[in-house]
Amino acid sequence: MENVVLQNRHLLIAAAVANNFLADSTHINMVYYAQRSTLLLAPAADELFKGLHKTSMQMVKNKNLLGDKSISLEELLIDNEIDDTDRPLTYKLDAMNIMQIFF
């Protein structure tokens, strides 16, 4: 599996990335900026991120025993008319532990 993929309207994050990014978080805050076609994600415990952006909270689920994680994006994809074709996604994880995903 690629590190970050869109599959069946879910964001799948490989264990190698998820362990560093999410640690033990069971929820994330996210915000989508349509003008940049960019989704920003941060662990729910990041109060600064939540204060700076108008976020929504999503549950992080375990995808498999390897430690891969899954986040439902169905509502986001429908509301913003984003192509829901299964595919690898380009992402960037910055020093402040915020993930940017580019659609």
PDB file of N, CA and C in Angstrom:
ATOM      1  N   MET A   1       0.835  -1.191   0.000  1.00  0.00           N
ATOM      2  CA  MET A   1       0.000   0.000   0.000  1.00  0.00           C
ATOM      3  C   MET A   1       0.877   1.251   0.000  1.00  0.00           C
ATOM      4  N   GLU A   2       0.446   2.248  -0.755  1.00  0.00           N
ATOM      5  CA  GLU A   2       1.097   3.559  -0.705  1.00  0.00           C
ATOM      6  C   GLU A   2       0.903   4.118   0.709  1.00  0.00           C
ATOM      7  N   ASN A   3       1.611   5.171   1.055  1.00  0.00           N
ATOM      8  CA  ASN A   3       1.503   5.730   2.409  1.00  0.00           C
ATOM      9  C   ASN A   3       0.147   6.354   2.703  1.00  0.00           C
ATOM     10  N   VAL A   4      -0.436   7.057   1.728  1.00  0.00           N
ATOM     11  CA  VAL A   4      -1.746   7.695   1.904  1.00  0.00           C
ATOM     12  C   VAL A   4      -2.549   7.465   0.624  1.00  0.00           C
ATOM     13  N   VAL A   5      -3.711   6.825   0.765  1.00  0.00           N
ATOM     14  CA  VAL A   5      -4.538   6.530  -0.404  1.00  0.00           C
ATOM     15  C   VAL A   5      -6.002   6.835  -0.111  1.00  0.00           C
ATOM     16  N   LEU A   6      -6.732   7.092  -1.181  1.00  0.00           N
ATOM     17  CA  LEU A   6      -8.185   7.198  -1.118  1.00  0.00           C
ATOM     18  C   LEU A   6      -8.725   5.872  -1.623  1.00  0.00           C
ATOM     19  N   GLN A   7      -9.514   5.197  -0.787  1.00  0.00           N
ATOM     20  CA  GLN A   7     -10.060   3.906  -1.165  1.00  0.00           C
ATOM     21  C   GLN A   7     -11.466   3.780  -0.590  1.00  0.00           C
ATOM     22  N   ASN A   8     -12.435   3.534  -1.455  1.00  0.00           N
ATOM     23  CA  ASN A   8     -13.834   3.389  -1.031  1.00  0.00           C
ATOM     24  C   ASN A   8     -14.302   4.558  -0.170  1.00  0.00           C
ATOM     25  N   ARG A   9     -13.935   5.762  -0.600  1.00  0.00           N
ATOM     26  CA  ARG A   9     -14.304   7.004   0.089  1.00  0.00           C
ATOM     27  C   ARG A   9     -13.739   7.100   1.509  1.00  0.00           C
ATOM     28  N   HIS A  10     -12.647   6.405   1.749  1.00  0.00           N
ATOM     29  CA  HIS A  10     -11.937   6.477   3.024  1.00  0.00           C
ATOM     30  C   HIS A  10     -10.485   6.867   2.762  1.00  0.00           C
ATOM     31  N   LEU A  11      -9.942   7.615   3.676  1.00  0.00           N
ATOM     32  CA  LEU A  11      -8.530   7.944   3.650  1.00  0.00           C
ATOM     33  C   LEU A  11      -7.804   6.843   4.409  1.00  0.00           C
ATOM     34  N   LEU A  12      -6.900   6.159   3.746  1.00  0.00           N
ATOM     35  CA  LEU A  12      -6.110   5.116   4.389  1.00  0.00           C
ATOM     36  C   LEU A  12      -4.687   5.622   4.569  1.00  0.00           C
ATOM     37  N   ILE A  13      -4.217   5.516   5.801  1.00  0.00           N
ATOM     38  CA  ILE A  13      -2.869   5.984   6.131  1.00  0.00           C
ATOM     39  C   ILE A  13      -2.062   4.781   6.595  1.00  0.00           C
ATOM     40  N   ALA A  14      -0.955   4.511   5.906  1.00  0.00           N
ATOM     41  CA  ALA A  14      -0.103   3.368   6.235  1.00  0.00           C
ATOM     42  C   ALA A  14       0.457   3.512   7.645  1.00  0.00           C
ATOM     43  N   ALA A  15       0.668   2.387   8.284  1.00  0.00           N
ATOM     44  CA  ALA A  15       1.146   2.362   9.672  1.00  0.00           C
ATOM     45  C   ALA A  15       2.419   3.170   9.866  1.00  0.00           C
ATOM     46  N   ALA A  16       3.329   3.110   8.904  1.00  0.00           N
ATOM     47  CA  ALA A  16       4.597   3.842   9.028  1.00  0.00           C
ATOM     48  C   ALA A  16       4.368   5.337   9.203  1.00  0.00           C
ATOM     49  N   VAL A  17       3.366   5.879   8.528  1.00  0.00           N
ATOM     50  CA  VAL A  17       3.033   7.301   8.640  1.00  0.00           C
ATOM     51  C   VAL A  17       2.104   7.533   9.836  1.00  0.00           C
ATOM     52  N   ALA A  18       1.115   6.673   9.990  1.00  0.00           N
ATOM     53  CA  ALA A  18       0.109   6.838  11.048  1.00  0.00           C
ATOM     54  C   ALA A  18       0.719   6.808  12.441  1.00  0.00           C
ATOM     55  N   ASN A  19       1.693   5.947  12.666  1.00  0.00           N
ATOM     56  CA  ASN A  19       2.296   5.839  14.001  1.00  0.00           C
ATOM     57  C   ASN A  19       2.960   7.140  14.426  1.00  0.00           C
ATOM     58  N   ASN A  20       3.622   7.816  13.491  1.00  0.00           N
ATOM     59  CA  ASN A  20       4.265   9.094  13.804  1.00  0.00           C
ATOM     60  C   ASN A  20       3.251  10.224  13.889  1.00  0.00           C
ATOM     61  N   PHE A  21       2.311  10.246  12.968  1.00  0.00           N
ATOM     62  CA  PHE A  21       1.356  11.337  12.862  1.00  0.00           C
ATOM     63  C   PHE A  21       0.263  11.258  13.931  1.00  0.00           C
ATOM     64  N   LEU A  22      -0.333  10.113  14.105  1.00  0.00           N
ATOM     65  CA  LEU A  22      -1.492   9.981  14.991  1.00  0.00           C
ATOM     66  C   LEU A  22      -1.164   9.447  16.373  1.00  0.00           C
ATOM     67  N   ALA A  23      -0.080   8.710  16.493  1.00  0.00           N
ATOM     68  CA  ALA A  23       0.260   8.037  17.750  1.00  0.00           C
ATOM     69  C   ALA A  23      -0.956   7.236  18.210  1.00  0.00           C
ATOM     70  N   ASP A  24      -1.517   7.560  19.370  1.00  0.00           N
ATOM     71  CA  ASP A  24      -2.668   6.821  19.894  1.00  0.00           C
ATOM     72  C   ASP A  24      -3.983   7.568  19.717  1.00  0.00           C
ATOM     73  N   SER A  25      -4.013   8.598  18.890  1.00  0.00           N
ATOM     74  CA  SER A  25      -5.233   9.389  18.702  1.00  0.00           C
ATOM     75  C   SER A  25      -6.336   8.539  18.085  1.00  0.00           C
ATOM     76  N   THR A  26      -7.529   8.697  18.616  1.00  0.00           N
ATOM     77  CA  THR A  26      -8.691   7.989  18.070  1.00  0.00           C
ATOM     78  C   THR A  26      -9.565   8.929  17.247  1.00  0.00           C
ATOM     79  N   HIS A  27      -9.247  10.224  17.273  1.00  0.00           N
ATOM     80  CA  HIS A  27      -9.992  11.222  16.504  1.00  0.00           C
ATOM     81  C   HIS A  27      -9.020  12.230  15.895  1.00  0.00           C
ATOM     82  N   ILE A  28      -9.431  12.804  14.783  1.00  0.00           N
ATOM     83  CA  ILE A  28      -8.656  13.875  14.160  1.00  0.00           C
ATOM     84  C   ILE A  28      -9.580  15.054  13.886  1.00  0.00           C
ATOM     85  N   ASN A  29      -8.980  16.223  13.805  1.00  0.00           N
ATOM     86  CA  ASN A  29      -9.688  17.406  13.331  1.00  0.00           C
ATOM     87  C   ASN A  29      -9.229  17.633  11.904  1.00  0.00           C
ATOM     88  N   MET A  30     -10.183  18.012  11.040  1.00  0.00           N
ATOM     89  CA  MET A  30      -9.818  18.234   9.647  1.00  0.00           C
ATOM     90  C   MET A  30     -10.572  19.424   9.088  1.00  0.00           C
ATOM     91  N   VAL A  31      -9.978  20.017   8.065  1.00  0.00           N
ATOM     92  CA  VAL A  31     -10.604  21.128   7.350  1.00  0.00           C
ATOM     93  C   VAL A  31     -10.183  21.031   5.892  1.00  0.00           C
ATOM     94  N   TYR A  32     -11.126  21.303   4.989  1.00  0.00           N
ATOM     95  CA  TYR A  32     -10.848  21.251   3.559  1.00  0.00           C
ATOM     96  C   TYR A  32     -10.918  22.656   2.987  1.00  0.00           C
ATOM     97  N   TYR A  33      -9.879  23.042   2.243  1.00  0.00           N
ATOM     98  CA  TYR A  33      -9.839  24.329   1.560  1.00  0.00           C
ATOM     99  C   TYR A  33      -9.975  24.091   0.061  1.00  0.00           C
ATOM    100  N   ALA A  34     -11.188  24.344  -0.450  1.00  0.00           N
ATOM    101  CA  ALA A  34     -11.509  24.044  -1.847  1.00  0.00           C
ATOM    102  C   ALA A  34     -10.642  24.827  -2.829  1.00  0.00           C
ATOM    103  N   GLN A  35     -10.350  26.096  -2.535  1.00  0.00           N
ATOM    104  CA  GLN A  35      -9.563  26.912  -3.457  1.00  0.00           C
ATOM    105  C   GLN A  35      -8.160  26.351  -3.672  1.00  0.00           C
ATOM    106  N   ARG A  36      -7.662  25.578  -2.710  1.00  0.00           N
ATOM    107  CA  ARG A  36      -6.346  24.946  -2.842  1.00  0.00           C
ATOM    108  C   ARG A  36      -6.438  23.442  -3.049  1.00  0.00           C
ATOM    109  N   SER A  37      -7.665  22.908  -3.033  1.00  0.00           N
ATOM    110  CA  SER A  37      -7.890  21.452  -3.129  1.00  0.00           C
ATOM    111  C   SER A  37      -7.032  20.705  -2.119  1.00  0.00           C
ATOM    112  N   THR A  38      -7.023  21.236  -0.896  1.00  0.00           N
ATOM    113  CA  THR A  38      -6.157  20.706   0.150  1.00  0.00           C
ATOM    114  C   THR A  38      -6.949  20.381   1.411  1.00  0.00           C
ATOM    115  N   LEU A  39      -6.701  19.193   1.943  1.00  0.00           N
ATOM    116  CA  LEU A  39      -7.275  18.756   3.209  1.00  0.00           C
ATOM    117  C   LEU A  39      -6.185  18.828   4.265  1.00  0.00           C
ATOM    118  N   LEU A  40      -6.480  19.484   5.380  1.00  0.00           N
ATOM    119  CA  LEU A  40      -5.541  19.548   6.497  1.00  0.00           C
ATOM    120  C   LEU A  40      -6.067  18.675   7.627  1.00  0.00           C
ATOM    121  N   LEU A  41      -5.176  17.895   8.234  1.00  0.00           N
ATOM    122  CA  LEU A  41      -5.529  17.003   9.331  1.00  0.00           C
ATOM    123  C   LEU A  41      -4.563  17.208  10.490  1.00  0.00           C
ATOM    124  N   ALA A  42      -5.103  17.104  11.707  1.00  0.00           N
ATOM    125  CA  ALA A  42      -4.266  17.142  12.905  1.00  0.00           C
ATOM    126  C   ALA A  42      -4.928  16.287  13.969  1.00  0.00           C
ATOM    127  N   PRO A  43      -4.130  15.680  14.854  1.00  0.00           N
ATOM    128  CA  PRO A  43      -4.730  14.919  15.949  1.00  0.00           C
ATOM    129  C   PRO A  43      -5.673  15.815  16.759  1.00  0.00           C
ATOM    130  N   ALA A  44      -6.739  15.232  17.294  1.00  0.00           N
ATOM    131  CA  ALA A  44      -7.762  15.995  18.020  1.00  0.00           C
ATOM    132  C   ALA A  44      -7.194  16.751  19.216  1.00  0.00           C
ATOM    133  N   ALA A  45      -6.114  16.289  19.775  1.00  0.00           N
ATOM    134  CA  ALA A  45      -5.510  16.945  20.940  1.00  0.00           C
ATOM    135  C   ALA A  45      -4.833  18.272  20.587  1.00  0.00           C
ATOM    136  N   ASP A  46      -4.648  18.557  19.307  1.00  0.00           N
ATOM    137  CA  ASP A  46      -3.987  19.788  18.871  1.00  0.00           C
ATOM    138  C   ASP A  46      -4.975  20.956  18.927  1.00  0.00           C
ATOM    139  N   GLU A  47      -5.021  21.636  20.065  1.00  0.00           N
ATOM    140  CA  GLU A  47      -5.963  22.737  20.285  1.00  0.00           C
ATOM    141  C   GLU A  47      -5.641  23.958  19.419  1.00  0.00           C
ATOM    142  N   LEU A  48      -4.373  24.189  19.132  1.00  0.00           N
ATOM    143  CA  LEU A  48      -3.988  25.334  18.294  1.00  0.00           C
ATOM    144  C   LEU A  48      -4.572  25.180  16.887  1.00  0.00           C
ATOM    145  N   PHE A  49      -4.451  23.996  16.308  1.00  0.00           N
ATOM    146  CA  PHE A  49      -5.008  23.732  14.980  1.00  0.00           C
ATOM    147  C   PHE A  49      -6.516  23.977  14.982  1.00  0.00           C
ATOM    148  N   LYS A  50      -7.176  23.457  15.995  1.00  0.00           N
ATOM    149  CA  LYS A  50      -8.630  23.619  16.111  1.00  0.00           C
ATOM    150  C   LYS A  50      -9.010  25.090  16.250  1.00  0.00           C
ATOM    151  N   GLY A  51      -8.199  25.871  16.948  1.00  0.00           N
ATOM    152  CA  GLY A  51      -8.462  27.289  17.128  1.00  0.00           C
ATOM    153  C   GLY A  51      -8.226  28.125  15.881  1.00  0.00           C
ATOM    154  N   LEU A  52      -7.310  27.680  15.027  1.00  0.00           N
ATOM    155  CA  LEU A  52      -6.959  28.442  13.832  1.00  0.00           C
ATOM    156  C   LEU A  52      -7.853  28.145  12.631  1.00  0.00           C
ATOM    157  N   HIS A  53      -8.495  26.981  12.629  1.00  0.00           N
ATOM    158  CA  HIS A  53      -9.282  26.546  11.473  1.00  0.00           C
ATOM    159  C   HIS A  53     -10.685  26.158  11.921  1.00  0.00           C
ATOM    160  N   LYS A  54     -11.630  26.257  11.005  1.00  0.00           N
ATOM    161  CA  LYS A  54     -12.989  25.792  11.266  1.00  0.00           C
ATOM    162  C   LYS A  54     -13.018  24.296  10.929  1.00  0.00           C
ATOM    163  N   THR A  55     -12.782  23.477  11.928  1.00  0.00           N
ATOM    164  CA  THR A  55     -12.566  22.047  11.716  1.00  0.00           C
ATOM    165  C   THR A  55     -13.817  21.223  11.991  1.00  0.00           C
ATOM    166  N   SER A  56     -13.766  20.009  11.501  1.00  0.00           N
ATOM    167  CA  SER A  56     -14.739  18.989  11.893  1.00  0.00           C
ATOM    168  C   SER A  56     -13.943  17.814  12.443  1.00  0.00           C
ATOM    169  N   MET A  57     -14.558  17.072  13.353  1.00  0.00           N
ATOM    170  CA  MET A  57     -13.881  15.945  13.975  1.00  0.00           C
ATOM    171  C   MET A  57     -14.324  14.647  13.304  1.00  0.00           C
ATOM    172  N   GLN A  58     -13.364  13.768  13.090  1.00  0.00           N
ATOM    173  CA  GLN A  58     -13.630  12.454  12.509  1.00  0.00           C
ATOM    174  C   GLN A  58     -12.959  11.379  13.355  1.00  0.00           C
ATOM    175  N   MET A  59     -13.573  10.211  13.373  1.00  0.00           N
ATOM    176  CA  MET A  59     -13.014   9.076  14.091  1.00  0.00           C
ATOM    177  C   MET A  59     -11.924   8.415  13.245  1.00  0.00           C
ATOM    178  N   VAL A  60     -10.879   7.993  13.904  1.00  0.00           N
ATOM    179  CA  VAL A  60      -9.803   7.238  13.268  1.00  0.00           C
ATOM    180  C   VAL A  60     -10.018   5.773  13.629  1.00  0.00           C
ATOM    181  N   LYS A  61     -10.121   4.933  12.614  1.00  0.00           N
ATOM    182  CA  LYS A  61     -10.343   3.506  12.853  1.00  0.00           C
ATOM    183  C   LYS A  61      -9.115   2.706  12.455  1.00  0.00           C
ATOM    184  N   ASN A  62      -8.922   1.590  13.139  1.00  0.00           N
ATOM    185  CA  ASN A  62      -7.865   0.660  12.756  1.00  0.00           C
ATOM    186  C   ASN A  62      -8.318  -0.088  11.515  1.00  0.00           C
ATOM    187  N   LYS A  63      -7.500  -0.079  10.481  1.00  0.00           N
ATOM    188  CA  LYS A  63      -7.840  -0.745   9.227  1.00  0.00           C
ATOM    189  C   LYS A  63      -7.498  -2.230   9.288  1.00  0.00           C
ATOM    190  N   ASN A  64      -6.365  -2.539   9.893  1.00  0.00           N
ATOM    191  CA  ASN A  64      -5.904  -3.925   9.945  1.00  0.00           C
ATOM    192  C   ASN A  64      -4.924  -4.099  11.102  1.00  0.00           C
ATOM    193  N   LEU A  65      -4.418  -5.310  11.261  1.00  0.00           N
ATOM    194  CA  LEU A  65      -3.486  -5.609  12.357  1.00  0.00           C
ATOM    195  C   LEU A  65      -2.090  -5.049  12.124  1.00  0.00           C
ATOM    196  N   LEU A  66      -1.827  -4.560  10.909  1.00  0.00           N
ATOM    197  CA  LEU A  66      -0.526  -3.964  10.612  1.00  0.00           C
ATOM    198  C   LEU A  66      -0.388  -2.562  11.206  1.00  0.00           C
ATOM    199  N   GLY A  67      -1.520  -1.961  11.603  1.00  0.00           N
ATOM    200  CA  GLY A  67      -1.494  -0.616  12.165  1.00  0.00           C
ATOM    201  C   GLY A  67      -1.920   0.469  11.202  1.00  0.00           C
ATOM    202  N   ASP A  68      -2.361   0.085   9.996  1.00  0.00           N
ATOM    203  CA  ASP A  68      -2.885   1.074   9.047  1.00  0.00           C
ATOM    204  C   ASP A  68      -4.158   1.683   9.630  1.00  0.00           C
ATOM    205  N   LYS A  69      -4.408   2.950   9.332  1.00  0.00           N
ATOM    206  CA  LYS A  69      -5.569   3.677   9.868  1.00  0.00           C
ATOM    207  C   LYS A  69      -6.503   4.085   8.740  1.00  0.00           C
ATOM    208  N   SER A  70      -7.779   4.268   9.086  1.00  0.00           N
ATOM    209  CA  SER A  70      -8.807   4.624   8.125  1.00  0.00           C
ATOM    210  C   SER A  70      -9.655   5.765   8.681  1.00  0.00           C
ATOM    211  N   ILE A  71      -9.960   6.741   7.806  1.00  0.00           N
ATOM    212  CA  ILE A  71     -10.801   7.888   8.179  1.00  0.00           C
ATOM    213  C   ILE A  71     -11.833   8.059   7.067  1.00  0.00           C
ATOM    214  N   SER A  72     -13.103   8.092   7.427  1.00  0.00           N
ATOM    215  CA  SER A  72     -14.159   8.262   6.429  1.00  0.00           C
ATOM    216  C   SER A  72     -14.139   9.685   5.883  1.00  0.00           C
ATOM    217  N   LEU A  73     -14.160   9.781   4.551  1.00  0.00           N
ATOM    218  CA  LEU A  73     -14.206  11.086   3.884  1.00  0.00           C
ATOM    219  C   LEU A  73     -15.463  11.246   3.037  1.00  0.00           C
ATOM    220  N   GLU A  74     -16.415  10.345   3.189  1.00  0.00           N
ATOM    221  CA  GLU A  74     -17.589  10.335   2.329  1.00  0.00           C
ATOM    222  C   GLU A  74     -18.306  11.685   2.301  1.00  0.00           C
ATOM    223  N   GLU A  75     -18.603  12.241   3.452  1.00  0.00           N
ATOM    224  CA  GLU A  75     -19.303  13.531   3.514  1.00  0.00           C
ATOM    225  C   GLU A  75     -18.492  14.636   2.845  1.00  0.00           C
ATOM    226  N   LEU A  76     -17.206  14.689   3.128  1.00  0.00           N
ATOM    227  CA  LEU A  76     -16.329  15.696   2.536  1.00  0.00           C
ATOM    228  C   LEU A  76     -16.304  15.588   1.017  1.00  0.00           C
ATOM    229  N   LEU A  77     -16.183  14.378   0.506  1.00  0.00           N
ATOM    230  CA  LEU A  77     -16.121  14.168  -0.944  1.00  0.00           C
ATOM    231  C   LEU A  77     -17.415  14.591  -1.621  1.00  0.00           C
ATOM    232  N   ILE A  78     -18.538  14.247  -1.024  1.00  0.00           N
ATOM    233  CA  ILE A  78     -19.841  14.592  -1.612  1.00  0.00           C
ATOM    234  C   ILE A  78     -20.080  16.095  -1.538  1.00  0.00           C
ATOM    235  N   ASP A  79     -19.886  16.682  -0.360  1.00  0.00           N
ATOM    236  CA  ASP A  79     -20.155  18.111  -0.171  1.00  0.00           C
ATOM    237  C   ASP A  79     -19.318  19.005  -1.072  1.00  0.00           C
ATOM    238  N   ASN A  80     -18.095  18.573  -1.362  1.00  0.00           N
ATOM    239  CA  ASN A  80     -17.183  19.395  -2.152  1.00  0.00           C
ATOM    240  C   ASN A  80     -17.002  18.897  -3.584  1.00  0.00           C
ATOM    241  N   GLU A  81     -17.816  17.912  -3.971  1.00  0.00           N
ATOM    242  CA  GLU A  81     -17.778  17.356  -5.326  1.00  0.00           C
ATOM    243  C   GLU A  81     -16.361  16.973  -5.751  1.00  0.00           C
ATOM    244  N   ILE A  82     -15.678  16.255  -4.873  1.00  0.00           N
ATOM    245  CA  ILE A  82     -14.310  15.796  -5.124  1.00  0.00           C
ATOM    246  C   ILE A  82     -14.379  14.410  -5.767  1.00  0.00           C
ATOM    247  N   ASP A  83     -13.544  14.190  -6.760  1.00  0.00           N
ATOM    248  CA  ASP A  83     -13.448  12.889  -7.422  1.00  0.00           C
ATOM    249  C   ASP A  83     -13.130  11.816  -6.373  1.00  0.00           C
ATOM    250  N   ASP A  84     -13.996  10.792  -6.281  1.00  0.00           N
ATOM    251  CA  ASP A  84     -13.800   9.756  -5.266  1.00  0.00           C
ATOM    252  C   ASP A  84     -13.154   8.488  -5.825  1.00  0.00           C
ATOM    253  N   THR A  85     -12.476   8.610  -6.954  1.00  0.00           N
ATOM    254  CA  THR A  85     -11.764   7.477  -7.544  1.00  0.00           C
ATOM    255  C   THR A  85     -10.663   7.002  -6.595  1.00  0.00           C
ATOM    256  N   ASP A  86     -10.572   5.687  -6.406  1.00  0.00           N
ATOM    257  CA  ASP A  86      -9.513   5.121  -5.569  1.00  0.00           C
ATOM    258  C   ASP A  86      -8.156   5.461  -6.188  1.00  0.00           C
ATOM    259  N   ARG A  87      -7.262   6.022  -5.363  1.00  0.00           N
ATOM    260  CA  ARG A  87      -5.954   6.422  -5.882  1.00  0.00           C
ATOM    261  C   ARG A  87      -5.003   6.794  -4.742  1.00  0.00           C
ATOM    262  N   PRO A  88      -3.694   6.755  -5.005  1.00  0.00           N
ATOM    263  CA  PRO A  88      -2.729   7.289  -4.035  1.00  0.00           C
ATOM    264  C   PRO A  88      -2.883   8.805  -3.988  1.00  0.00           C
ATOM    265  N   LEU A  89      -2.632   9.387  -2.829  1.00  0.00           N
ATOM    266  CA  LEU A  89      -2.727  10.834  -2.668  1.00  0.00           C
ATOM    267  C   LEU A  89      -1.378  11.401  -2.257  1.00  0.00           C
ATOM    268  N   THR A  90      -1.091  12.575  -2.793  1.00  0.00           N
ATOM    269  CA  THR A  90       0.119  13.285  -2.406  1.00  0.00           C
ATOM    270  C   THR A  90      -0.135  13.957  -1.064  1.00  0.00           C
ATOM    271  N   TYR A  91       0.838  13.867  -0.175  1.00  0.00           N
ATOM    272  CA  TYR A  91       0.672  14.457   1.154  1.00  0.00           C
ATOM    273  C   TYR A  91       1.992  15.044   1.633  1.00  0.00           C
ATOM    274  N   LYS A  92       1.867  15.870   2.660  1.00  0.00           N
ATOM    275  CA  LYS A  92       3.040  16.448   3.310  1.00  0.00           C
ATOM    276  C   LYS A  92       2.739  16.491   4.802  1.00  0.00           C
ATOM    277  N   LEU A  93       3.674  16.064   5.607  1.00  0.00           N
ATOM    278  CA  LEU A  93       3.548  16.104   7.066  1.00  0.00           C
ATOM    279  C   LEU A  93       4.575  17.099   7.578  1.00  0.00           C
ATOM    280  N   ASP A  94       4.098  18.198   8.191  1.00  0.00           N
ATOM    281  CA  ASP A  94       5.036  19.251   8.590  1.00  0.00           C
ATOM    282  C   ASP A  94       5.536  19.076  10.023  1.00  0.00           C
ATOM    283  N   ALA A  95       6.425  19.951  10.430  1.00  0.00           N
ATOM    284  CA  ALA A  95       7.065  19.874  11.739  1.00  0.00           C
ATOM    285  C   ALA A  95       6.077  20.055  12.895  1.00  0.00           C
ATOM    286  N   MET A  96       4.935  20.683  12.619  1.00  0.00           N
ATOM    287  CA  MET A  96       3.923  20.886  13.667  1.00  0.00           C
ATOM    288  C   MET A  96       2.934  19.726  13.725  1.00  0.00           C
ATOM    289  N   ASN A  97       3.233  18.636  13.012  1.00  0.00           N
ATOM    290  CA  ASN A  97       2.410  17.433  12.984  1.00  0.00           C
ATOM    291  C   ASN A  97       1.037  17.688  12.362  1.00  0.00           C
ATOM    292  N   ILE A  98       1.027  18.486  11.305  1.00  0.00           N
ATOM    293  CA  ILE A  98      -0.183  18.729  10.521  1.00  0.00           C
ATOM    294  C   ILE A  98       0.036  18.087   9.153  1.00  0.00           C
ATOM    295  N   MET A  99      -0.923  17.265   8.752  1.00  0.00           N
ATOM    296  CA  MET A  99      -0.835  16.595   7.452  1.00  0.00           C
ATOM    297  C   MET A  99      -1.637  17.382   6.422  1.00  0.00           C
ATOM    298  N   GLN A 100      -1.016  17.653   5.304  1.00  0.00           N
ATOM    299  CA  GLN A 100      -1.691  18.278   4.167  1.00  0.00           C
ATOM    300  C   GLN A 100      -1.838  17.205   3.097  1.00  0.00           C
ATOM    301  N   ILE A 101      -3.072  17.059   2.602  1.00  0.00           N
ATOM    302  CA  ILE A 101      -3.338  16.098   1.542  1.00  0.00           C
ATOM    303  C   ILE A 101      -3.881  16.874   0.351  1.00  0.00           C
ATOM    304  N   PHE A 102      -3.299  16.599  -0.808  1.00  0.00           N
ATOM    305  CA  PHE A 102      -3.635  17.343  -2.014  1.00  0.00           C
ATOM    306  C   PHE A 102      -4.501  16.487  -2.931  1.00  0.00           C
ATOM    307  N   PHE A 103      -5.676  17.016  -3.271  1.00  0.00           N
ATOM    308  CA  PHE A 103      -6.600  16.288  -4.154  1.00  0.00           C
ATOM    309  C   PHE A 103      -6.376  16.737  -5.556  1.00  0.00           C
TER     310      PHE A 103
END
